[in-house]
Amino acid sequence: NVLGRKVLYLPGFFTYARHIVEVDGKRGL
């Protein structure tokens, strides 16, 4: 985070969208 502490982040939009493409292809979006 902004304070330099380690935190857990869930996948953002681009990572999530890439996962959808891997599963269903670009049309899947």
PDB file of all heavy atoms in Angstrom:
ATOM      1  N   ASN A   1       0.836  -1.200   0.000  1.00  0.00           N
ATOM      2  CA  ASN A   1       0.000   0.000   0.000  1.00  0.00           C
ATOM      3  C   ASN A   1       0.870   1.248   0.000  1.00  0.00           C
ATOM      4  O   ASN A   1       2.104   1.161  -0.104  1.00  0.00           O
ATOM      5  CB  ASN A   1      -0.959  -0.012   1.199  1.00  0.00           C
ATOM      6  CG  ASN A   1      -0.225  -0.051   2.537  1.00  0.00           C
ATOM      7  OD1 ASN A   1       0.978   0.216   2.611  1.00  0.00           O
ATOM      8  ND2 ASN A   1      -0.942  -0.383   3.588  1.00  0.00           N
ATOM      9  N   VAL A   2       0.252   2.416   0.132  1.00  0.00           N
ATOM     10  CA  VAL A   2       0.996   3.672   0.060  1.00  0.00           C
ATOM     11  C   VAL A   2       1.971   3.830   1.218  1.00  0.00           C
ATOM     12  O   VAL A   2       2.930   4.605   1.131  1.00  0.00           O
ATOM     13  CB  VAL A   2       0.025   4.872   0.029  1.00  0.00           C
ATOM     14  CG1 VAL A   2      -0.761   4.888  -1.260  1.00  0.00           C
ATOM     15  CG2 VAL A   2      -0.914   4.837   1.241  1.00  0.00           C
ATOM     16  N   LEU A   3       1.741   3.092   2.303  1.00  0.00           N
ATOM     17  CA  LEU A   3       2.647   3.154   3.450  1.00  0.00           C
ATOM     18  C   LEU A   3       3.760   2.120   3.367  1.00  0.00           C
ATOM     19  O   LEU A   3       4.603   2.042   4.267  1.00  0.00           O
ATOM     20  CB  LEU A   3       1.849   2.944   4.749  1.00  0.00           C
ATOM     21  CG  LEU A   3       0.756   3.973   5.033  1.00  0.00           C
ATOM     22  CD1 LEU A   3       0.016   3.612   6.320  1.00  0.00           C
ATOM     23  CD2 LEU A   3       1.348   5.374   5.119  1.00  0.00           C
ATOM     24  N   GLY A   4       3.746   1.347   2.285  1.00  0.00           N
ATOM     25  CA  GLY A   4       4.792   0.346   2.096  1.00  0.00           C
ATOM     26  C   GLY A   4       4.524  -0.977   2.778  1.00  0.00           C
ATOM     27  O   GLY A   4       5.376  -1.871   2.757  1.00  0.00           O
ATOM     28  N   ARG A   5       3.343  -1.123   3.381  1.00  0.00           N
ATOM     29  CA  ARG A   5       3.019  -2.369   4.054  1.00  0.00           C
ATOM     30  C   ARG A   5       2.500  -3.403   3.062  1.00  0.00           C
ATOM     31  O   ARG A   5       1.835  -3.062   2.090  1.00  0.00           O
ATOM     32  CB  ARG A   5       1.972  -2.124   5.135  1.00  0.00           C
ATOM     33  CG  ARG A   5       2.438  -1.211   6.256  1.00  0.00           C
ATOM     34  CD  ARG A   5       1.313  -0.946   7.225  1.00  0.00           C
ATOM     35  NE  ARG A   5       1.731  -0.055   8.312  1.00  0.00           N
ATOM     36  CZ  ARG A   5       0.921   0.414   9.251  1.00  0.00           C
ATOM     37  NH1 ARG A   5      -0.375   0.088   9.225  1.00  0.00           N
ATOM     38  NH2 ARG A   5       1.386   1.208  10.193  1.00  0.00           N
ATOM     39  N   LYS A   6       2.799  -4.666   3.335  1.00  0.00           N
ATOM     40  CA  LYS A   6       2.341  -5.740   2.469  1.00  0.00           C
ATOM     41  C   LYS A   6       0.843  -5.983   2.675  1.00  0.00           C
ATOM     42  O   LYS A   6       0.383  -6.094   3.809  1.00  0.00           O
ATOM     43  CB  LYS A   6       3.109  -7.028   2.746  1.00  0.00           C
ATOM     44  CG  LYS A   6       4.567  -6.997   2.288  1.00  0.00           C
ATOM     45  CD  LYS A   6       5.222  -8.345   2.504  1.00  0.00           C
ATOM     46  CE  LYS A   6       6.660  -8.334   1.984  1.00  0.00           C
ATOM     47  NZ  LYS A   6       7.312  -9.666   2.181  1.00  0.00           N
ATOM     48  N   VAL A   7       0.119  -6.046   1.582  1.00  0.00           N
ATOM     49  CA  VAL A   7      -1.314  -6.324   1.628  1.00  0.00           C
ATOM     50  C   VAL A   7      -1.656  -7.292   0.505  1.00  0.00           C
ATOM     51  O   VAL A   7      -0.870  -7.467  -0.446  1.00  0.00           O
ATOM     52  CB  VAL A   7      -2.163  -5.037   1.485  1.00  0.00           C
ATOM     53  CG1 VAL A   7      -1.972  -4.123   2.671  1.00  0.00           C
ATOM     54  CG2 VAL A   7      -1.818  -4.320   0.185  1.00  0.00           C
ATOM     55  N   LEU A   8      -2.824  -7.902   0.612  1.00  0.00           N
ATOM     56  CA  LEU A   8      -3.296  -8.804  -0.433  1.00  0.00           C
ATOM     57  C   LEU A   8      -4.254  -8.057  -1.357  1.00  0.00           C
ATOM     58  O   LEU A   8      -5.195  -7.411  -0.892  1.00  0.00           O
ATOM     59  CB  LEU A   8      -4.008 -10.009   0.173  1.00  0.00           C
ATOM     60  CG  LEU A   8      -3.123 -11.055   0.858  1.00  0.00           C
ATOM     61  CD1 LEU A   8      -3.979 -12.132   1.492  1.00  0.00           C
ATOM     62  CD2 LEU A   8      -2.151 -11.674  -0.136  1.00  0.00           C
ATOM     63  N   TYR A   9      -3.982  -8.141  -2.651  1.00  0.00           N
ATOM     64  CA  TYR A   9      -4.833  -7.506  -3.651  1.00  0.00           C
ATOM     65  C   TYR A   9      -5.498  -8.575  -4.512  1.00  0.00           C
ATOM     66  O   TYR A   9      -4.849  -9.525  -4.964  1.00  0.00           O
ATOM     67  CB  TYR A   9      -4.026  -6.572  -4.550  1.00  0.00           C
ATOM     68  CG  TYR A   9      -3.629  -5.275  -3.902  1.00  0.00           C
ATOM     69  CD1 TYR A   9      -2.326  -5.068  -3.468  1.00  0.00           C
ATOM     70  CD2 TYR A   9      -4.564  -4.260  -3.717  1.00  0.00           C
ATOM     71  CE1 TYR A   9      -1.951  -3.866  -2.877  1.00  0.00           C
ATOM     72  CE2 TYR A   9      -4.208  -3.058  -3.126  1.00  0.00           C
ATOM     73  CZ  TYR A   9      -2.897  -2.870  -2.709  1.00  0.00           C
ATOM     74  OH  TYR A   9      -2.538  -1.678  -2.114  1.00  0.00           O
ATOM     75  N   LEU A  10      -6.804  -8.398  -4.732  1.00  0.00           N
ATOM     76  CA  LEU A  10      -7.516  -9.260  -5.670  1.00  0.00           C
ATOM     77  C   LEU A  10      -7.259  -8.778  -7.091  1.00  0.00           C
ATOM     78  O   LEU A  10      -6.915  -7.603  -7.294  1.00  0.00           O
ATOM     79  CB  LEU A  10      -9.012  -9.241  -5.364  1.00  0.00           C
ATOM     80  CG  LEU A  10      -9.410  -9.880  -4.037  1.00  0.00           C
ATOM     81  CD1 LEU A  10     -10.872  -9.575  -3.711  1.00  0.00           C
ATOM     82  CD2 LEU A  10      -9.200 -11.385  -4.080  1.00  0.00           C
ATOM     83  N   PRO A  11      -7.406  -9.658  -8.084  1.00  0.00           N
ATOM     84  CA  PRO A  11      -7.132  -9.256  -9.472  1.00  0.00           C
ATOM     85  C   PRO A  11      -7.968  -8.053  -9.898  1.00  0.00           C
ATOM     86  O   PRO A  11      -9.164  -7.966  -9.589  1.00  0.00           O
ATOM     87  CB  PRO A  11      -7.510 -10.500 -10.282  1.00  0.00           C
ATOM     88  CG  PRO A  11      -7.394 -11.627  -9.315  1.00  0.00           C
ATOM     89  CD  PRO A  11      -7.783 -11.076  -7.989  1.00  0.00           C
ATOM     90  N   GLY A  12      -7.339  -7.118 -10.602  1.00  0.00           N
ATOM     91  CA  GLY A  12      -8.043  -5.958 -11.117  1.00  0.00           C
ATOM     92  C   GLY A  12      -8.750  -6.273 -12.426  1.00  0.00           C
ATOM     93  O   GLY A  12      -8.780  -7.426 -12.886  1.00  0.00           O
ATOM     94  N   PHE A  13      -9.300  -5.230 -13.039  1.00  0.00           N
ATOM     95  CA  PHE A  13     -10.097  -5.422 -14.246  1.00  0.00           C
ATOM     96  C   PHE A  13      -9.320  -6.115 -15.357  1.00  0.00           C
ATOM     97  O   PHE A  13      -9.818  -7.063 -15.967  1.00  0.00           O
ATOM     98  CB  PHE A  13     -10.615  -4.071 -14.748  1.00  0.00           C
ATOM     99  CG  PHE A  13     -11.149  -4.109 -16.150  1.00  0.00           C
ATOM    100  CD1 PHE A  13     -12.349  -4.732 -16.439  1.00  0.00           C
ATOM    101  CD2 PHE A  13     -10.427  -3.552 -17.200  1.00  0.00           C
ATOM    102  CE1 PHE A  13     -12.838  -4.795 -17.735  1.00  0.00           C
ATOM    103  CE2 PHE A  13     -10.910  -3.601 -18.493  1.00  0.00           C
ATOM    104  CZ  PHE A  13     -12.115  -4.226 -18.767  1.00  0.00           C
ATOM    105  N   PHE A  14      -8.115  -5.659 -15.640  1.00  0.00           N
ATOM    106  CA  PHE A  14      -7.373  -6.189 -16.789  1.00  0.00           C
ATOM    107  C   PHE A  14      -6.988  -7.655 -16.575  1.00  0.00           C
ATOM    108  O   PHE A  14      -7.065  -8.472 -17.505  1.00  0.00           O
ATOM    109  CB  PHE A  14      -6.136  -5.329 -17.045  1.00  0.00           C
ATOM    110  CG  PHE A  14      -6.461  -3.917 -17.424  1.00  0.00           C
ATOM    111  CD1 PHE A  14      -6.327  -2.882 -16.511  1.00  0.00           C
ATOM    112  CD2 PHE A  14      -6.934  -3.619 -18.696  1.00  0.00           C
ATOM    113  CE1 PHE A  14      -6.646  -1.577 -16.853  1.00  0.00           C
ATOM    114  CE2 PHE A  14      -7.255  -2.319 -19.053  1.00  0.00           C
ATOM    115  CZ  PHE A  14      -7.120  -1.298 -18.118  1.00  0.00           C
ATOM    116  N   THR A  15      -6.584  -8.011 -15.352  1.00  0.00           N
ATOM    117  CA  THR A  15      -6.247  -9.406 -15.063  1.00  0.00           C
ATOM    118  C   THR A  15      -7.486 -10.290 -15.159  1.00  0.00           C
ATOM    119  O   THR A  15      -7.450 -11.394 -15.717  1.00  0.00           O
ATOM    120  CB  THR A  15      -5.631  -9.519 -13.665  1.00  0.00           C
ATOM    121  OG1 THR A  15      -4.489  -8.667 -13.579  1.00  0.00           O
ATOM    122  CG2 THR A  15      -5.219 -10.950 -13.372  1.00  0.00           C
ATOM    123  N   TYR A  16      -8.595  -9.797 -14.638  1.00  0.00           N
ATOM    124  CA  TYR A  16      -9.852 -10.546 -14.664  1.00  0.00           C
ATOM    125  C   TYR A  16     -10.331 -10.718 -16.109  1.00  0.00           C
ATOM    126  O   TYR A  16     -10.764 -11.806 -16.518  1.00  0.00           O
ATOM    127  CB  TYR A  16     -10.910  -9.805 -13.845  1.00  0.00           C
ATOM    128  CG  TYR A  16     -11.963 -10.690 -13.224  1.00  0.00           C
ATOM    129  CD1 TYR A  16     -12.230 -10.621 -11.857  1.00  0.00           C
ATOM    130  CD2 TYR A  16     -12.717 -11.578 -13.984  1.00  0.00           C
ATOM    131  CE1 TYR A  16     -13.213 -11.417 -11.274  1.00  0.00           C
ATOM    132  CE2 TYR A  16     -13.688 -12.372 -13.414  1.00  0.00           C
ATOM    133  CZ  TYR A  16     -13.933 -12.285 -12.054  1.00  0.00           C
ATOM    134  OH  TYR A  16     -14.904 -13.085 -11.490  1.00  0.00           O
ATOM    135  N   ALA A  17     -10.248  -9.642 -16.886  1.00  0.00           N
ATOM    136  CA  ALA A  17     -10.673  -9.718 -18.293  1.00  0.00           C
ATOM    137  C   ALA A  17      -9.801 -10.696 -19.065  1.00  0.00           C
ATOM    138  O   ALA A  17     -10.296 -11.442 -19.925  1.00  0.00           O
ATOM    139  CB  ALA A  17     -10.619  -8.331 -18.923  1.00  0.00           C
ATOM    140  N   ARG A  18      -8.515 -10.706 -18.771  1.00  0.00           N
ATOM    141  CA  ARG A  18      -7.623 -11.649 -19.439  1.00  0.00           C
ATOM    142  C   ARG A  18      -7.996 -13.085 -19.107  1.00  0.00           C
ATOM    143  O   ARG A  18      -7.911 -13.980 -19.964  1.00  0.00           O
ATOM    144  CB  ARG A  18      -6.178 -11.340 -19.034  1.00  0.00           C
ATOM    145  CG  ARG A  18      -5.136 -12.164 -19.802  1.00  0.00           C
ATOM    146  CD  ARG A  18      -3.748 -11.559 -19.716  1.00  0.00           C
ATOM    147  NE  ARG A  18      -3.335 -11.329 -18.328  1.00  0.00           N
ATOM    148  CZ  ARG A  18      -3.160 -10.130 -17.802  1.00  0.00           C
ATOM    149  NH1 ARG A  18      -3.382  -9.042 -18.533  1.00  0.00           N
ATOM    150  NH2 ARG A  18      -2.756  -9.990 -16.552  1.00  0.00           N
ATOM    151  N   HIS A  19      -8.430 -13.326 -17.879  1.00  0.00           N
ATOM    152  CA  HIS A  19      -8.870 -14.667 -17.489  1.00  0.00           C
ATOM    153  C   HIS A  19     -10.112 -15.076 -18.285  1.00  0.00           C
ATOM    154  O   HIS A  19     -10.216 -16.227 -18.739  1.00  0.00           O
ATOM    155  CB  HIS A  19      -9.176 -14.686 -15.986  1.00  0.00           C
ATOM    156  CG  HIS A  19      -9.863 -15.933 -15.525  1.00  0.00           C
ATOM    157  ND1 HIS A  19      -9.217 -17.152 -15.442  1.00  0.00           N
ATOM    158  CD2 HIS A  19     -11.162 -16.159 -15.139  1.00  0.00           C
ATOM    159  CE1 HIS A  19     -10.067 -18.072 -15.017  1.00  0.00           C
ATOM    160  NE2 HIS A  19     -11.247 -17.504 -14.829  1.00  0.00           N
ATOM    161  N   ILE A  20     -11.046 -14.140 -18.474  1.00  0.00           N
ATOM    162  CA  ILE A  20     -12.255 -14.446 -19.253  1.00  0.00           C
ATOM    163  C   ILE A  20     -11.884 -14.799 -20.688  1.00  0.00           C
ATOM    164  O   ILE A  20     -12.433 -15.739 -21.280  1.00  0.00           O
ATOM    165  CB  ILE A  20     -13.219 -13.250 -19.222  1.00  0.00           C
ATOM    166  CG1 ILE A  20     -13.754 -13.030 -17.802  1.00  0.00           C
ATOM    167  CG2 ILE A  20     -14.387 -13.470 -20.192  1.00  0.00           C
ATOM    168  CD1 ILE A  20     -14.630 -11.799 -17.659  1.00  0.00           C
ATOM    169  N   VAL A  21     -10.923 -14.063 -21.258  1.00  0.00           N
ATOM    170  CA  VAL A  21     -10.470 -14.341 -22.627  1.00  0.00           C
ATOM    171  C   VAL A  21      -9.833 -15.721 -22.706  1.00  0.00           C
ATOM    172  O   VAL A  21     -10.036 -16.467 -23.676  1.00  0.00           O
ATOM    173  CB  VAL A  21      -9.486 -13.253 -23.095  1.00  0.00           C
ATOM    174  CG1 VAL A  21      -8.863 -13.628 -24.434  1.00  0.00           C
ATOM    175  CG2 VAL A  21     -10.196 -11.905 -23.213  1.00  0.00           C
ATOM    176  N   GLU A  22      -9.068 -16.102 -21.699  1.00  0.00           N
ATOM    177  CA  GLU A  22      -8.432 -17.422 -21.685  1.00  0.00           C
ATOM    178  C   GLU A  22      -9.467 -18.539 -21.642  1.00  0.00           C
ATOM    179  O   GLU A  22      -9.256 -19.613 -22.212  1.00  0.00           O
ATOM    180  CB  GLU A  22      -7.491 -17.526 -20.488  1.00  0.00           C
ATOM    181  CG  GLU A  22      -6.253 -16.648 -20.592  1.00  0.00           C
ATOM    182  CD  GLU A  22      -5.418 -16.675 -19.313  1.00  0.00           C
ATOM    183  OE1 GLU A  22      -5.874 -17.303 -18.322  1.00  0.00           O
ATOM    184  OE2 GLU A  22      -4.326 -16.077 -19.307  1.00  0.00           O
ATOM    185  N   VAL A  23     -10.589 -18.280 -20.972  1.00  0.00           N
ATOM    186  CA  VAL A  23     -11.617 -19.309 -20.832  1.00  0.00           C
ATOM    187  C   VAL A  23     -12.570 -19.327 -22.033  1.00  0.00           C
ATOM    188  O   VAL A  23     -12.866 -20.394 -22.586  1.00  0.00           O
ATOM    189  CB  VAL A  23     -12.425 -19.086 -19.534  1.00  0.00           C
ATOM    190  CG1 VAL A  23     -13.588 -20.070 -19.442  1.00  0.00           C
ATOM    191  CG2 VAL A  23     -11.530 -19.215 -18.314  1.00  0.00           C
ATOM    192  N   ASP A  24     -13.045 -18.164 -22.444  1.00  0.00           N
ATOM    193  CA  ASP A  24     -14.091 -18.074 -23.474  1.00  0.00           C
ATOM    194  C   ASP A  24     -13.638 -17.412 -24.769  1.00  0.00           C
ATOM    195  O   ASP A  24     -14.448 -17.281 -25.694  1.00  0.00           O
ATOM    196  CB  ASP A  24     -15.295 -17.300 -22.922  1.00  0.00           C
ATOM    197  CG  ASP A  24     -16.140 -18.127 -21.972  1.00  0.00           C
ATOM    198  OD1 ASP A  24     -15.993 -19.365 -21.985  1.00  0.00           O
ATOM    199  OD2 ASP A  24     -16.927 -17.547 -21.200  1.00  0.00           O
ATOM    200  N   GLY A  25     -12.407 -16.952 -24.851  1.00  0.00           N
ATOM    201  CA  GLY A  25     -11.978 -16.213 -26.027  1.00  0.00           C
ATOM    202  C   GLY A  25     -12.404 -14.744 -25.936  1.00  0.00           C
ATOM    203  O   GLY A  25     -13.118 -14.333 -25.017  1.00  0.00           O
ATOM    204  N   LYS A  26     -11.992 -13.955 -26.912  1.00  0.00           N
ATOM    205  CA  LYS A  26     -12.304 -12.525 -26.881  1.00  0.00           C
ATOM    206  C   LYS A  26     -13.804 -12.260 -26.971  1.00  0.00           C
ATOM    207  O   LYS A  26     -14.303 -11.294 -26.393  1.00  0.00           O
ATOM    208  CB  LYS A  26     -11.571 -11.812 -28.027  1.00  0.00           C
ATOM    209  CG  LYS A  26     -10.050 -11.792 -27.862  1.00  0.00           C
ATOM    210  CD  LYS A  26      -9.362 -11.039 -28.989  1.00  0.00           C
ATOM    211  CE  LYS A  26      -7.861 -11.003 -28.777  1.00  0.00           C
ATOM    212  NZ  LYS A  26      -7.153 -10.296 -29.877  1.00  0.00           N
ATOM    213  N   ARG A  27     -14.509 -13.119 -27.695  1.00  0.00           N
ATOM    214  CA  ARG A  27     -15.958 -12.936 -27.790  1.00  0.00           C
ATOM    215  C   ARG A  27     -16.632 -13.125 -26.440  1.00  0.00           C
ATOM    216  O   ARG A  27     -17.734 -12.616 -26.206  1.00  0.00           O
ATOM    217  CB  ARG A  27     -16.539 -13.915 -28.805  1.00  0.00           C
ATOM    218  CG  ARG A  27     -16.139 -13.640 -30.254  1.00  0.00           C
ATOM    219  CD  ARG A  27     -16.817 -14.603 -31.201  1.00  0.00           C
ATOM    220  NE  ARG A  27     -18.273 -14.502 -31.141  1.00  0.00           N
ATOM    221  CZ  ARG A  27     -19.093 -15.299 -31.810  1.00  0.00           C
ATOM    222  NH1 ARG A  27     -18.592 -16.249 -32.598  1.00  0.00           N
ATOM    223  NH2 ARG A  27     -20.392 -15.144 -31.713  1.00  0.00           N
ATOM    224  N   GLY A  28     -15.963 -13.842 -25.546  1.00  0.00           N
ATOM    225  CA  GLY A  28     -16.533 -14.077 -24.237  1.00  0.00           C
ATOM    226  C   GLY A  28     -16.713 -12.812 -23.423  1.00  0.00           C
ATOM    227  O   GLY A  28     -17.547 -12.763 -22.514  1.00  0.00           O
ATOM    228  N   LEU A  29     -15.936 -11.764 -23.748  1.00  0.00           N
ATOM    229  CA  LEU A  29     -16.061 -10.495 -23.040  1.00  0.00           C
ATOM    230  C   LEU A  29     -17.383  -9.797 -23.351  1.00  0.00           C
ATOM    231  O   LEU A  29     -17.744  -8.830 -22.670  1.00  0.00           O
ATOM    232  CB  LEU A  29     -14.900  -9.564 -23.402  1.00  0.00           C
ATOM    233  CG  LEU A  29     -13.531  -9.909 -22.805  1.00  0.00           C
ATOM    234  CD1 LEU A  29     -12.455  -9.002 -23.386  1.00  0.00           C
ATOM    235  CD2 LEU A  29     -13.556  -9.784 -21.278  1.00  0.00           C
TER     236      LEU A  29
END
